[in-house]
PDB file of N, CA and C in Angstrom:
ATOM      1  N   UNK A   1       0.835  -1.174   0.000  1.00  0.00           N
ATOM      2  CA  UNK A   1       0.000   0.000   0.000  1.00  0.00           C
ATOM      3  C   UNK A   1       0.878   1.234   0.000  1.00  0.00           C
ATOM      4  N   UNK A   2       0.641   2.110  -0.911  1.00  0.00           N
ATOM      5  CA  UNK A   2       1.403   3.346  -1.000  1.00  0.00           C
ATOM      6  C   UNK A   2       0.730   4.436  -0.173  1.00  0.00           C
ATOM      7  N   UNK A   3       1.536   5.169   0.556  1.00  0.00           N
ATOM      8  CA  UNK A   3       1.010   6.251   1.379  1.00  0.00           C
ATOM      9  C   UNK A   3       1.743   7.541   1.054  1.00  0.00           C
ATOM     10  N   UNK A   4       1.168   8.648   1.485  1.00  0.00           N
ATOM     11  CA  UNK A   4       1.796   9.959   1.351  1.00  0.00           C
ATOM     12  C   UNK A   4       1.653  10.680   2.690  1.00  0.00           C
ATOM     13  N   UNK A   5       2.241  11.834   2.791  1.00  0.00           N
ATOM     14  CA  UNK A   5       2.097  12.636   4.006  1.00  0.00           C
ATOM     15  C   UNK A   5       0.622  12.920   4.264  1.00  0.00           C
ATOM     16  N   UNK A   6      -0.139  13.165   3.200  1.00  0.00           N
ATOM     17  CA  UNK A   6      -1.572  13.451   3.362  1.00  0.00           C
ATOM     18  C   UNK A   6      -2.328  12.274   3.986  1.00  0.00           C
ATOM     19  N   UNK A   7      -1.835  11.068   3.786  1.00  0.00           N
ATOM     20  CA  UNK A   7      -2.449   9.883   4.391  1.00  0.00           C
ATOM     21  C   UNK A   7      -2.447  10.001   5.915  1.00  0.00           C
ATOM     22  N   UNK A   8      -1.394  10.562   6.444  1.00  0.00           N
ATOM     23  CA  UNK A   8      -1.186  10.627   7.890  1.00  0.00           C
ATOM     24  C   UNK A   8      -1.714  11.916   8.522  1.00  0.00           C
ATOM     25  N   UNK A   9      -2.077  12.911   7.718  1.00  0.00           N
ATOM     26  CA  UNK A   9      -2.468  14.209   8.267  1.00  0.00           C
ATOM     27  C   UNK A   9      -3.627  14.172   9.266  1.00  0.00           C
ATOM     28  N   UNK A  10      -4.704  13.440   9.033  1.00  0.00           N
ATOM     29  CA  UNK A  10      -5.778  13.439  10.038  1.00  0.00           C
ATOM     30  C   UNK A  10      -5.296  13.017  11.424  1.00  0.00           C
ATOM     31  N   UNK A  11      -4.541  11.941  11.496  1.00  0.00           N
ATOM     32  CA  UNK A  11      -4.027  11.485  12.784  1.00  0.00           C
ATOM     33  C   UNK A  11      -2.999  12.478  13.337  1.00  0.00           C
ATOM     34  N   UNK A  12      -2.168  13.012  12.467  1.00  0.00           N
ATOM     35  CA  UNK A  12      -1.160  13.978  12.899  1.00  0.00           C
ATOM     36  C   UNK A  12      -1.806  15.253  13.432  1.00  0.00           C
ATOM     37  N   UNK A  13      -2.919  15.664  12.856  1.00  0.00           N
ATOM     38  CA  UNK A  13      -3.635  16.838  13.362  1.00  0.00           C
ATOM     39  C   UNK A  13      -4.140  16.594  14.779  1.00  0.00           C
ATOM     40  N   UNK A  14      -4.632  15.398  15.032  1.00  0.00           N
ATOM     41  CA  UNK A  14      -5.091  15.057  16.382  1.00  0.00           C
ATOM     42  C   UNK A  14      -3.935  15.112  17.372  1.00  0.00           C
ATOM     43  N   UNK A  15      -2.798  14.575  16.977  1.00  0.00           N
ATOM     44  CA  UNK A  15      -1.625  14.575  17.853  1.00  0.00           C
ATOM     45  C   UNK A  15      -1.164  16.008  18.114  1.00  0.00           C
ATOM     46  N   UNK A  16      -1.121  16.814  17.058  1.00  0.00           N
ATOM     47  CA  UNK A  16      -0.703  18.214  17.215  1.00  0.00           C
ATOM     48  C   UNK A  16      -1.646  18.960  18.149  1.00  0.00           C
ATOM     49  N   UNK A  17      -2.934  18.752  17.989  1.00  0.00           N
ATOM     50  CA  UNK A  17      -3.912  19.435  18.834  1.00  0.00           C
ATOM     51  C   UNK A  17      -3.763  19.030  20.293  1.00  0.00           C
ATOM     52  N   UNK A  18      -3.397  17.776  20.531  1.00  0.00           N
ATOM     53  CA  UNK A  18      -3.216  17.293  21.899  1.00  0.00           C
ATOM     54  C   UNK A  18      -2.058  18.002  22.596  1.00  0.00           C
ATOM     55  N   UNK A  19      -1.147  18.573  21.829  1.00  0.00           N
ATOM     56  CA  UNK A  19      -0.029  19.300  22.429  1.00  0.00           C
ATOM     57  C   UNK A  19      -0.514  20.484  23.261  1.00  0.00           C
ATOM     58  N   UNK A  20      -1.646  21.055  22.902  1.00  0.00           N
ATOM     59  CA  UNK A  20      -2.189  22.185  23.641  1.00  0.00           C
ATOM     60  C   UNK A  20      -2.998  21.721  24.858  1.00  0.00           C
ATOM     61  N   UNK A  21      -3.139  20.428  25.045  1.00  0.00           N
ATOM     62  CA  UNK A  21      -3.837  19.875  26.203  1.00  0.00           C
ATOM     63  C   UNK A  21      -2.862  19.459  27.296  1.00  0.00           C
ATOM     64  N   UNK A  22      -1.583  19.509  26.997  1.00  0.00           N
ATOM     65  CA  UNK A  22      -0.569  19.127  27.965  1.00  0.00           C
ATOM     66  C   UNK A  22      -0.552  20.125  29.122  1.00  0.00           C
ATOM     67  N   UNK A  23      -0.237  19.645  30.307  1.00  0.00           N
ATOM     68  CA  UNK A  23      -0.214  20.521  31.483  1.00  0.00           C
ATOM     69  C   UNK A  23       0.713  21.723  31.304  1.00  0.00           C
ATOM     70  N   UNK A  24       1.802  21.538  30.563  1.00  0.00           N
ATOM     71  CA  UNK A  24       2.759  22.630  30.397  1.00  0.00           C
ATOM     72  C   UNK A  24       2.353  23.643  29.337  1.00  0.00           C
ATOM     73  N   UNK A  25       1.361  23.293  28.502  1.00  0.00           N
ATOM     74  CA  UNK A  25       0.979  24.203  27.413  1.00  0.00           C
ATOM     75  C   UNK A  25      -0.506  24.547  27.397  1.00  0.00           C
ATOM     76  N   UNK A  26      -1.294  23.994  28.295  1.00  0.00           N
ATOM     77  CA  UNK A  26      -2.745  24.204  28.240  1.00  0.00           C
ATOM     78  C   UNK A  26      -3.145  25.659  28.469  1.00  0.00           C
ATOM     79  N   UNK A  27      -2.265  26.480  29.017  1.00  0.00           N
ATOM     80  CA  UNK A  27      -2.564  27.897  29.230  1.00  0.00           C
ATOM     81  C   UNK A  27      -2.334  28.735  27.965  1.00  0.00           C
ATOM     82  N   UNK A  28      -1.735  28.144  26.933  1.00  0.00           N
ATOM     83  CA  UNK A  28      -1.426  28.843  25.684  1.00  0.00           C
ATOM     84  C   UNK A  28      -2.571  28.647  24.698  1.00  0.00           C
ATOM     85  N   UNK A  29      -3.044  29.724  24.124  1.00  0.00           N
ATOM     86  CA  UNK A  29      -4.103  29.627  23.130  1.00  0.00           C
ATOM     87  C   UNK A  29      -3.558  28.992  21.845  1.00  0.00           C
ATOM     88  N   UNK A  30      -4.313  28.049  21.303  1.00  0.00           N
ATOM     89  CA  UNK A  30      -3.879  27.367  20.091  1.00  0.00           C
ATOM     90  C   UNK A  30      -3.917  28.325  18.902  1.00  0.00           C
ATOM     91  N   UNK A  31      -2.868  28.292  18.116  1.00  0.00           N
ATOM     92  CA  UNK A  31      -2.798  29.044  16.866  1.00  0.00           C
ATOM     93  C   UNK A  31      -2.993  28.022  15.748  1.00  0.00           C
ATOM     94  N   UNK A  32      -4.123  28.069  15.038  1.00  0.00           N
ATOM     95  CA  UNK A  32      -4.422  27.039  14.038  1.00  0.00           C
ATOM     96  C   UNK A  32      -3.324  26.859  12.988  1.00  0.00           C
ATOM     97  N   UNK A  33      -2.732  27.945  12.538  1.00  0.00           N
ATOM     98  CA  UNK A  33      -1.669  27.831  11.518  1.00  0.00           C
ATOM     99  C   UNK A  33      -0.458  27.083  12.069  1.00  0.00           C
ATOM    100  N   UNK A  34      -0.128  27.339  13.324  1.00  0.00           N
ATOM    101  CA  UNK A  34       0.983  26.635  13.951  1.00  0.00           C
ATOM    102  C   UNK A  34       0.648  25.160  14.142  1.00  0.00           C
ATOM    103  N   UNK A  35      -0.576  24.878  14.583  1.00  0.00           N
ATOM    104  CA  UNK A  35      -1.003  23.490  14.756  1.00  0.00           C
ATOM    105  C   UNK A  35      -0.920  22.725  13.433  1.00  0.00           C
ATOM    106  N   UNK A  36      -1.278  23.368  12.338  1.00  0.00           N
ATOM    107  CA  UNK A  36      -1.216  22.707  11.030  1.00  0.00           C
ATOM    108  C   UNK A  36       0.220  22.428  10.610  1.00  0.00           C
ATOM    109  N   UNK A  37       1.113  23.363  10.879  1.00  0.00           N
ATOM    110  CA  UNK A  37       2.528  23.143  10.547  1.00  0.00           C
ATOM    111  C   UNK A  37       3.097  22.005  11.389  1.00  0.00           C
ATOM    112  N   UNK A  38       2.757  21.986  12.677  1.00  0.00           N
ATOM    113  CA  UNK A  38       3.210  20.906  13.549  1.00  0.00           C
ATOM    114  C   UNK A  38       2.655  19.571  13.043  1.00  0.00           C
ATOM    115  N   UNK A  39       1.381  19.548  12.666  1.00  0.00           N
ATOM    116  CA  UNK A  39       0.765  18.321  12.147  1.00  0.00           C
ATOM    117  C   UNK A  39       1.473  17.844  10.881  1.00  0.00           C
ATOM    118  N   UNK A  40       1.827  18.772  10.020  1.00  0.00           N
ATOM    119  CA  UNK A  40       2.519  18.400   8.776  1.00  0.00           C
ATOM    120  C   UNK A  40       3.875  17.767   9.092  1.00  0.00           C
ATOM    121  N   UNK A  41       4.585  18.336  10.056  1.00  0.00           N
ATOM    122  CA  UNK A  41       5.886  17.779  10.447  1.00  0.00           C
ATOM    123  C   UNK A  41       5.708  16.375  11.047  1.00  0.00           C
ATOM    124  N   UNK A  42       4.701  16.211  11.874  1.00  0.00           N
ATOM    125  CA  UNK A  42       4.412  14.893  12.460  1.00  0.00           C
ATOM    126  C   UNK A  42       4.066  13.893  11.363  1.00  0.00           C
ATOM    127  N   UNK A  43       3.223  14.311  10.412  1.00  0.00           N
ATOM    128  CA  UNK A  43       2.827  13.421   9.308  1.00  0.00           C
ATOM    129  C   UNK A  43       4.040  13.007   8.479  1.00  0.00           C
ATOM    130  N   UNK A  44       4.978  13.927   8.293  1.00  0.00           N
ATOM    131  CA  UNK A  44       6.195  13.593   7.537  1.00  0.00           C
ATOM    132  C   UNK A  44       6.994  12.512   8.266  1.00  0.00           C
ATOM    133  N   UNK A  45       7.103  12.617   9.581  1.00  0.00           N
ATOM    134  CA  UNK A  45       7.793  11.587  10.354  1.00  0.00           C
ATOM    135  C   UNK A  45       7.044  10.263  10.295  1.00  0.00           C
ATOM    136  N   UNK A  46       5.716  10.319  10.341  1.00  0.00           N
ATOM    137  CA  UNK A  46       4.918   9.098  10.255  1.00  0.00           C
ATOM    138  C   UNK A  46       5.124   8.415   8.904  1.00  0.00           C
ATOM    139  N   UNK A  47       5.166   9.202   7.832  1.00  0.00           N
ATOM    140  CA  UNK A  47       5.396   8.649   6.494  1.00  0.00           C
ATOM    141  C   UNK A  47       6.787   8.035   6.405  1.00  0.00           C
ATOM    142  N   UNK A  48       7.780   8.686   6.993  1.00  0.00           N
ATOM    143  CA  UNK A  48       9.138   8.152   6.991  1.00  0.00           C
ATOM    144  C   UNK A  48       9.177   6.814   7.732  1.00  0.00           C
ATOM    145  N   UNK A  49       8.508   6.758   8.879  1.00  0.00           N
ATOM    146  CA  UNK A  49       8.455   5.510   9.634  1.00  0.00           C
ATOM    147  C   UNK A  49       7.768   4.400   8.865  1.00  0.00           C
ATOM    148  N   UNK A  50       6.673   4.736   8.198  1.00  0.00           N
ATOM    149  CA  UNK A  50       5.942   3.746   7.405  1.00  0.00           C
ATOM    150  C   UNK A  50       6.805   3.236   6.251  1.00  0.00           C
ATOM    151  N   UNK A  51       7.538   4.134   5.615  1.00  0.00           N
ATOM    152  CA  UNK A  51       8.421   3.748   4.513  1.00  0.00           C
ATOM    153  C   UNK A  51       9.476   2.755   4.996  1.00  0.00           C
ATOM    154  N   UNK A  52      10.097   3.070   6.122  1.00  0.00           N
ATOM    155  CA  UNK A  52      11.135   2.176   6.640  1.00  0.00           C
ATOM    156  C   UNK A  52      10.560   0.832   7.069  1.00  0.00           C
ATOM    157  N   UNK A  53       9.362   0.830   7.613  1.00  0.00           N
ATOM    158  CA  UNK A  53       8.724  -0.433   8.009  1.00  0.00           C
ATOM    159  C   UNK A  53       8.445  -1.303   6.781  1.00  0.00           C
ATOM    160  N   UNK A  54       7.938  -0.660   5.708  1.00  0.00           N
ATOM    161  CA  UNK A  54       7.690  -1.434   4.478  1.00  0.00           C
ATOM    162  C   UNK A  54       8.994  -1.961   3.900  1.00  0.00           C
ATOM    163  N   UNK A  55      10.019  -1.132   3.916  1.00  0.00           N
ATOM    164  CA  UNK A  55      11.310  -1.525   3.377  1.00  0.00           C
ATOM    165  C   UNK A  55      11.910  -2.670   4.185  1.00  0.00           C
ATOM    166  N   UNK A  56      11.778  -2.595   5.503  1.00  0.00           N
ATOM    167  CA  UNK A  56      12.293  -3.647   6.368  1.00  0.00           C
ATOM    168  C   UNK A  56      11.594  -4.973   6.087  1.00  0.00           C
ATOM    169  N   UNK A  57      10.273  -4.932   5.955  1.00  0.00           N
ATOM    170  CA  UNK A  57       9.518  -6.151   5.669  1.00  0.00           C
ATOM    171  C   UNK A  57       9.932  -6.746   4.318  1.00  0.00           C
ATOM    172  N   UNK A  58      10.147  -5.895   3.331  1.00  0.00           N
ATOM    173  CA  UNK A  58      10.557  -6.361   1.999  1.00  0.00           C
ATOM    174  C   UNK A  58      11.889  -7.103   2.089  1.00  0.00           C
ATOM    175  N   UNK A  59      12.868  -6.475   2.729  1.00  0.00           N
ATOM    176  CA  UNK A  59      14.193  -7.087   2.773  1.00  0.00           C
ATOM    177  C   UNK A  59      14.235  -8.312   3.682  1.00  0.00           C
ATOM    178  N   UNK A  60      13.408  -8.326   4.726  1.00  0.00           N
ATOM    179  CA  UNK A  60      13.338  -9.517   5.572  1.00  0.00           C
ATOM    180  C   UNK A  60      12.834 -10.694   4.749  1.00  0.00           C
ATOM    181  N   UNK A  61      11.796 -10.467   3.959  1.00  0.00           N
ATOM    182  CA  UNK A  61      11.248 -11.533   3.113  1.00  0.00           C
ATOM    183  C   UNK A  61      12.286 -12.001   2.090  1.00  0.00           C
ATOM    184  N   UNK A  62      12.993 -11.052   1.494  1.00  0.00           N
ATOM    185  CA  UNK A  62      14.032 -11.433   0.516  1.00  0.00           C
ATOM    186  C   UNK A  62      15.105 -12.284   1.176  1.00  0.00           C
ATOM    187  N   UNK A  63      15.528 -11.900   2.375  1.00  0.00           N
ATOM    188  CA  UNK A  63      16.563 -12.656   3.079  1.00  0.00           C
ATOM    189  C   UNK A  63      16.063 -14.055   3.438  1.00  0.00           C
ATOM    190  N   UNK A  64      14.819 -14.151   3.889  1.00  0.00           N
ATOM    191  CA  UNK A  64      14.259 -15.450   4.249  1.00  0.00           C
ATOM    192  C   UNK A  64      14.172 -16.347   3.025  1.00  0.00           C
ATOM    193  N   UNK A  65      13.764 -15.792   1.915  1.00  0.00           N
ATOM    194  CA  UNK A  65      13.681 -16.594   0.688  1.00  0.00           C
ATOM    195  C   UNK A  65      15.074 -17.062   0.256  1.00  0.00           C
ATOM    196  N   UNK A  66      16.052 -16.179   0.381  1.00  0.00           N
ATOM    197  CA  UNK A  66      17.417 -16.550   0.003  1.00  0.00           C
ATOM    198  C   UNK A  66      17.960 -17.661   0.904  1.00  0.00           C
ATOM    199  N   UNK A  67      17.542 -17.653   2.160  1.00  0.00           N
ATOM    200  CA  UNK A  67      17.991 -18.677   3.105  1.00  0.00           C
ATOM    201  C   UNK A  67      17.139 -19.941   3.035  1.00  0.00           C
ATOM    202  N   UNK A  68      16.063 -19.886   2.271  1.00  0.00           N
ATOM    203  CA  UNK A  68      15.177 -21.032   2.171  1.00  0.00           C
ATOM    204  C   UNK A  68      14.215 -21.144   3.330  1.00  0.00           C
ATOM    205  N   UNK A  69      14.027 -20.063   4.051  1.00  0.00           N
ATOM    206  CA  UNK A  69      13.108 -20.048   5.184  1.00  0.00           C
ATOM    207  C   UNK A  69      11.757 -19.570   4.682  1.00  0.00           C
ATOM    208  N   UNK A  70      10.712 -20.296   4.988  1.00  0.00           N
ATOM    209  CA  UNK A  70       9.383 -19.935   4.526  1.00  0.00           C
ATOM    210  C   UNK A  70       8.471 -19.749   5.731  1.00  0.00           C
ATOM    211  N   UNK A  71       7.544 -18.830   5.604  1.00  0.00           N
ATOM    212  CA  UNK A  71       6.604 -18.572   6.692  1.00  0.00           C
ATOM    213  C   UNK A  71       5.552 -19.671   6.730  1.00  0.00           C
ATOM    214  N   UNK A  72       4.818 -19.759   7.812  1.00  0.00           N
ATOM    215  CA  UNK A  72       3.779 -20.760   7.992  1.00  0.00           C
ATOM    216  C   UNK A  72       2.773 -20.655   6.860  1.00  0.00           C
ATOM    217  N   UNK A  73       2.450 -21.773   6.264  1.00  0.00           N
ATOM    218  CA  UNK A  73       1.469 -21.806   5.186  1.00  0.00           C
ATOM    219  C   UNK A  73       2.060 -21.570   3.814  1.00  0.00           C
ATOM    220  N   UNK A  74       3.312 -21.183   3.732  1.00  0.00           N
ATOM    221  CA  UNK A  74       3.951 -20.936   2.440  1.00  0.00           C
ATOM    222  C   UNK A  74       4.652 -22.211   2.004  1.00  0.00           C
ATOM    223  N   UNK A  75       4.505 -22.577   0.755  1.00  0.00           N
ATOM    224  CA  UNK A  75       5.116 -23.787   0.248  1.00  0.00           C
ATOM    225  C   UNK A  75       6.215 -23.433  -0.748  1.00  0.00           C
ATOM    226  N   UNK A  76       7.252 -24.219  -0.698  1.00  0.00           N
ATOM    227  CA  UNK A  76       8.351 -24.017  -1.622  1.00  0.00           C
ATOM    228  C   UNK A  76       7.937 -24.521  -3.005  1.00  0.00           C
ATOM    229  N   UNK A  77       8.185 -23.705  -4.032  1.00  0.00           N
ATOM    230  CA  UNK A  77       7.836 -24.098  -5.403  1.00  0.00           C
ATOM    231  C   UNK A  77       8.810 -25.166  -5.879  1.00  0.00           C
ATOM    232  N   UNK A  78       8.287 -26.066  -6.681  1.00  0.00           N
ATOM    233  CA  UNK A  78       9.185 -27.006  -7.328  1.00  0.00           C
ATOM    234  C   UNK A  78       9.097 -28.336  -6.781  1.00  0.00           C
TER     235      UNK A  78
END
């Protein structure tokens, strides 16, 4: 599944908004433009993490196949 930063924005917006609920920041009025920038930065990190997770899974599978290790339910061809 391919994702983009926009894929993560709804969740990132929630996380950014929660920053203003923290005991150390709850007295500060939320600035919507700042919250959106923070959300975008969070979404970028989420996309980076998702990319690395997909990449890790890909290479793990390649290594297992090269070693002849198969997951449960997978049969060796031939």
